[in-house]
Amino acid sequence: MKKIVTLMLIVLSTVVLAGKNKVRDPYHFVVEGSFIATKNVSYTIFKENKEGTFVCIERTKARKVYRVECNTGGRYLVRFQNKKGDVKFLMIDASTYGYFQADVDWRKPYDGLIKKEKIGYCLVTLTNGNGRALIAQN
């Protein structure tokens, strides 16, 4: 009986410690998502500097999911490229802290922009000449 209680306390403390990772961080805006209709995607993260140009800060590869941690107050550009050479872009305006989940769908021909609105962050699709359409909110 004593072993069972000890084991339950260890499991409970592990769950509590794992939950602390989701605490709101006032210094970062985190974007996570998965890749739809493809696997093994390489992506590059660019950060806008004071002159207004984007500078590469990280290059990485992912099989199914991605994670981008942005400092608040900055603008970021993420360039995704699959094995076929298809490219998608995600612009992130990290004006305040928060968390957003956006999947990258390789079946659709558009890029995305995450920006702050009155209701919170939202994802806006960017297409070739057809304007923009709101597709998701968080």
C-alpha atoms as a PDB file:
ATOM      1  CA  MET A   1       0.000   0.000   0.000  1.00  0.00           C
ATOM      2  CA  LYS A   2       2.830   2.346   0.882  1.00  0.00           C
ATOM      3  CA  LYS A   3       4.430   1.740  -2.531  1.00  0.00           C
ATOM      4  CA  ILE A   4       1.185   2.593  -4.324  1.00  0.00           C
ATOM      5  CA  VAL A   5       0.797   5.876  -2.432  1.00  0.00           C
ATOM      6  CA  THR A   6       4.425   6.793  -3.110  1.00  0.00           C
ATOM      7  CA  LEU A   7       4.014   5.969  -6.791  1.00  0.00           C
ATOM      8  CA  MET A   8       0.837   8.083  -7.018  1.00  0.00           C
ATOM      9  CA  LEU A   9       2.620  11.045  -5.398  1.00  0.00           C
ATOM     10  CA  ILE A  10       5.474  10.779  -7.902  1.00  0.00           C
ATOM     11  CA  VAL A  11       3.050  10.671 -10.826  1.00  0.00           C
ATOM     12  CA  LEU A  12       1.061  13.602  -9.430  1.00  0.00           C
ATOM     13  CA  SER A  13       4.178  15.722  -8.948  1.00  0.00           C
ATOM     14  CA  THR A  14       5.288  14.922 -12.510  1.00  0.00           C
ATOM     15  CA  VAL A  15       1.906  16.053 -13.868  1.00  0.00           C
ATOM     16  CA  VAL A  16       2.045  19.274 -11.860  1.00  0.00           C
ATOM     17  CA  LEU A  17       5.585  20.052 -13.045  1.00  0.00           C
ATOM     18  CA  ALA A  18       4.636  19.336 -16.662  1.00  0.00           C
ATOM     19  CA  GLY A  19       1.691  21.727 -16.338  1.00  0.00           C
ATOM     20  CA  LYS A  20       3.961  24.578 -15.223  1.00  0.00           C
ATOM     21  CA  ASN A  21       5.505  24.714 -18.728  1.00  0.00           C
ATOM     22  CA  LYS A  22       2.198  26.100 -20.042  1.00  0.00           C
ATOM     23  CA  VAL A  23       2.266  29.096 -17.666  1.00  0.00           C
ATOM     24  CA  ARG A  24       1.948  32.407 -19.494  1.00  0.00           C
ATOM     25  CA  ASP A  25       5.315  33.873 -20.285  1.00  0.00           C
ATOM     26  CA  PRO A  26       5.072  37.686 -20.512  1.00  0.00           C
ATOM     27  CA  TYR A  27       8.197  37.903 -22.694  1.00  0.00           C
ATOM     28  CA  HIS A  28       7.320  35.483 -25.515  1.00  0.00           C
ATOM     29  CA  PHE A  29       4.673  34.772 -28.121  1.00  0.00           C
ATOM     30  CA  VAL A  30       4.668  31.085 -29.049  1.00  0.00           C
ATOM     31  CA  VAL A  31       3.336  29.678 -32.324  1.00  0.00           C
ATOM     32  CA  GLU A  32       2.951  25.926 -32.722  1.00  0.00           C
ATOM     33  CA  GLY A  33       1.368  23.774 -35.364  1.00  0.00           C
ATOM     34  CA  SER A  34       1.546  20.690 -37.494  1.00  0.00           C
ATOM     35  CA  PHE A  35       2.139  20.016 -41.164  1.00  0.00           C
ATOM     36  CA  ILE A  36      -0.856  18.798 -43.145  1.00  0.00           C
ATOM     37  CA  ALA A  37      -0.380  16.655 -46.279  1.00  0.00           C
ATOM     38  CA  THR A  38       3.423  16.441 -46.002  1.00  0.00           C
ATOM     39  CA  LYS A  39       6.226  15.427 -43.654  1.00  0.00           C
ATOM     40  CA  ASN A  40       9.874  16.347 -43.123  1.00  0.00           C
ATOM     41  CA  VAL A  41       9.750  20.103 -43.600  1.00  0.00           C
ATOM     42  CA  SER A  42      12.688  22.430 -43.106  1.00  0.00           C
ATOM     43  CA  TYR A  43      11.947  25.919 -41.870  1.00  0.00           C
ATOM     44  CA  THR A  44      13.916  29.092 -41.361  1.00  0.00           C
ATOM     45  CA  ILE A  45      13.006  31.807 -38.848  1.00  0.00           C
ATOM     46  CA  PHE A  46      13.825  35.425 -39.685  1.00  0.00           C
ATOM     47  CA  LYS A  47      13.560  38.371 -37.280  1.00  0.00           C
ATOM     48  CA  GLU A  48      13.087  41.979 -38.373  1.00  0.00           C
ATOM     49  CA  ASN A  49      15.922  44.243 -37.247  1.00  0.00           C
ATOM     50  CA  LYS A  50      15.848  48.006 -36.589  1.00  0.00           C
ATOM     51  CA  GLU A  51      16.511  48.822 -40.254  1.00  0.00           C
ATOM     52  CA  GLY A  52      13.422  46.854 -41.335  1.00  0.00           C
ATOM     53  CA  THR A  53      15.226  43.922 -42.956  1.00  0.00           C
ATOM     54  CA  PHE A  54      14.737  40.321 -41.911  1.00  0.00           C
ATOM     55  CA  VAL A  55      17.775  38.470 -40.556  1.00  0.00           C
ATOM     56  CA  CYS A  56      17.987  34.685 -40.239  1.00  0.00           C
ATOM     57  CA  ILE A  57      18.118  33.612 -36.590  1.00  0.00           C
ATOM     58  CA  GLU A  58      17.409  29.862 -36.809  1.00  0.00           C
ATOM     59  CA  ARG A  59      17.224  27.000 -39.322  1.00  0.00           C
ATOM     60  CA  THR A  60      15.759  23.664 -38.390  1.00  0.00           C
ATOM     61  CA  LYS A  61      13.889  20.603 -39.680  1.00  0.00           C
ATOM     62  CA  ALA A  62      10.768  18.965 -38.351  1.00  0.00           C
ATOM     63  CA  ARG A  63       8.876  15.823 -39.200  1.00  0.00           C
ATOM     64  CA  LYS A  64       5.280  16.616 -38.240  1.00  0.00           C
ATOM     65  CA  VAL A  65       5.141  19.662 -35.945  1.00  0.00           C
ATOM     66  CA  TYR A  66       6.881  23.014 -35.571  1.00  0.00           C
ATOM     67  CA  ARG A  67       7.353  25.544 -32.772  1.00  0.00           C
ATOM     68  CA  VAL A  68       8.409  29.183 -33.042  1.00  0.00           C
ATOM     69  CA  GLU A  69       9.147  31.208 -29.897  1.00  0.00           C
ATOM     70  CA  CYS A  70       9.097  34.950 -30.592  1.00  0.00           C
ATOM     71  CA  ASN A  71      10.173  37.778 -28.315  1.00  0.00           C
ATOM     72  CA  THR A  72       7.336  40.213 -27.688  1.00  0.00           C
ATOM     73  CA  GLY A  73       7.490  43.451 -29.626  1.00  0.00           C
ATOM     74  CA  GLY A  74       9.134  41.882 -32.683  1.00  0.00           C
ATOM     75  CA  ARG A  75       8.111  40.829 -36.171  1.00  0.00           C
ATOM     76  CA  TYR A  76       9.101  37.444 -37.538  1.00  0.00           C
ATOM     77  CA  LEU A  77       8.942  35.631 -40.855  1.00  0.00           C
ATOM     78  CA  VAL A  78       8.980  31.838 -41.054  1.00  0.00           C
ATOM     79  CA  ARG A  79       9.837  30.166 -44.371  1.00  0.00           C
ATOM     80  CA  PHE A  80       8.688  26.537 -44.677  1.00  0.00           C
ATOM     81  CA  GLN A  81       9.992  24.287 -47.459  1.00  0.00           C
ATOM     82  CA  ASN A  82       8.976  20.679 -48.092  1.00  0.00           C
ATOM     83  CA  LYS A  83      10.971  17.977 -49.888  1.00  0.00           C
ATOM     84  CA  LYS A  84       9.400  18.862 -53.259  1.00  0.00           C
ATOM     85  CA  GLY A  85      10.710  22.427 -52.984  1.00  0.00           C
ATOM     86  CA  ASP A  86       7.316  24.026 -52.333  1.00  0.00           C
ATOM     87  CA  VAL A  87       7.580  27.095 -50.094  1.00  0.00           C
ATOM     88  CA  LYS A  88       5.114  28.693 -47.672  1.00  0.00           C
ATOM     89  CA  PHE A  89       5.556  31.797 -45.523  1.00  0.00           C
ATOM     90  CA  LEU A  90       4.123  32.731 -42.141  1.00  0.00           C
ATOM     91  CA  MET A  91       4.497  36.325 -40.943  1.00  0.00           C
ATOM     92  CA  ILE A  92       4.177  36.800 -37.174  1.00  0.00           C
ATOM     93  CA  ASP A  93       3.548  40.165 -35.514  1.00  0.00           C
ATOM     94  CA  ALA A  94       4.377  39.368 -31.871  1.00  0.00           C
ATOM     95  CA  SER A  95       3.186  42.609 -30.295  1.00  0.00           C
ATOM     96  CA  THR A  96       2.159  41.009 -26.982  1.00  0.00           C
ATOM     97  CA  TYR A  97       2.700  37.694 -25.235  1.00  0.00           C
ATOM     98  CA  GLY A  98       0.520  34.713 -25.900  1.00  0.00           C
ATOM     99  CA  TYR A  99       0.103  31.373 -27.603  1.00  0.00           C
ATOM    100  CA  PHE A 100      -1.290  30.552 -31.045  1.00  0.00           C
ATOM    101  CA  GLN A 101      -1.718  27.312 -32.931  1.00  0.00           C
ATOM    102  CA  ALA A 102      -1.631  27.350 -36.742  1.00  0.00           C
ATOM    103  CA  ASP A 103      -1.295  24.313 -39.000  1.00  0.00           C
ATOM    104  CA  VAL A 104       0.549  24.560 -42.327  1.00  0.00           C
ATOM    105  CA  ASP A 105      -1.641  22.999 -45.018  1.00  0.00           C
ATOM    106  CA  TRP A 106       0.349  22.120 -48.135  1.00  0.00           C
ATOM    107  CA  ARG A 107      -2.851  21.412 -50.132  1.00  0.00           C
ATOM    108  CA  LYS A 108      -3.874  25.106 -50.058  1.00  0.00           C
ATOM    109  CA  PRO A 109      -2.099  27.793 -52.142  1.00  0.00           C
ATOM    110  CA  TYR A 110      -1.777  30.563 -49.559  1.00  0.00           C
ATOM    111  CA  ASP A 111       0.570  31.981 -46.966  1.00  0.00           C
ATOM    112  CA  GLY A 112      -0.373  33.346 -43.540  1.00  0.00           C
ATOM    113  CA  LEU A 113      -0.113  36.351 -41.277  1.00  0.00           C
ATOM    114  CA  ILE A 114      -0.650  36.194 -37.508  1.00  0.00           C
ATOM    115  CA  LYS A 115      -1.507  39.594 -36.102  1.00  0.00           C
ATOM    116  CA  LYS A 116      -3.108  41.163 -33.046  1.00  0.00           C
ATOM    117  CA  GLU A 117      -6.744  42.276 -33.315  1.00  0.00           C
ATOM    118  CA  LYS A 118      -9.245  43.554 -30.739  1.00  0.00           C
ATOM    119  CA  ILE A 119     -10.375  40.011 -29.937  1.00  0.00           C
ATOM    120  CA  GLY A 120      -6.839  38.601 -29.686  1.00  0.00           C
ATOM    121  CA  TYR A 121      -4.494  37.131 -32.240  1.00  0.00           C
ATOM    122  CA  CYS A 122      -5.921  35.971 -35.557  1.00  0.00           C
ATOM    123  CA  LEU A 123      -4.628  34.206 -38.645  1.00  0.00           C
ATOM    124  CA  VAL A 124      -5.139  35.966 -41.958  1.00  0.00           C
ATOM    125  CA  THR A 125      -4.526  34.190 -45.244  1.00  0.00           C
ATOM    126  CA  LEU A 126      -2.487  35.919 -47.901  1.00  0.00           C
ATOM    127  CA  THR A 127      -3.180  34.904 -51.494  1.00  0.00           C
ATOM    128  CA  ASN A 128      -1.877  35.993 -54.873  1.00  0.00           C
ATOM    129  CA  GLY A 129      -3.953  39.064 -55.719  1.00  0.00           C
ATOM    130  CA  ASN A 130      -7.237  37.756 -54.305  1.00  0.00           C
ATOM    131  CA  GLY A 131      -7.025  39.746 -51.079  1.00  0.00           C
ATOM    132  CA  ARG A 132      -7.185  38.330 -47.579  1.00  0.00           C
ATOM    133  CA  ALA A 133      -9.688  36.206 -45.743  1.00  0.00           C
ATOM    134  CA  LEU A 134      -9.980  35.520 -42.028  1.00  0.00           C
ATOM    135  CA  ILE A 135      -9.771  31.766 -41.457  1.00  0.00           C
ATOM    136  CA  ALA A 136      -9.044  31.247 -37.754  1.00  0.00           C
ATOM    137  CA  GLN A 137      -9.102  33.044 -34.437  1.00  0.00           C
ATOM    138  CA  ASN A 138      -7.602  32.331 -31.065  1.00  0.00           C
END
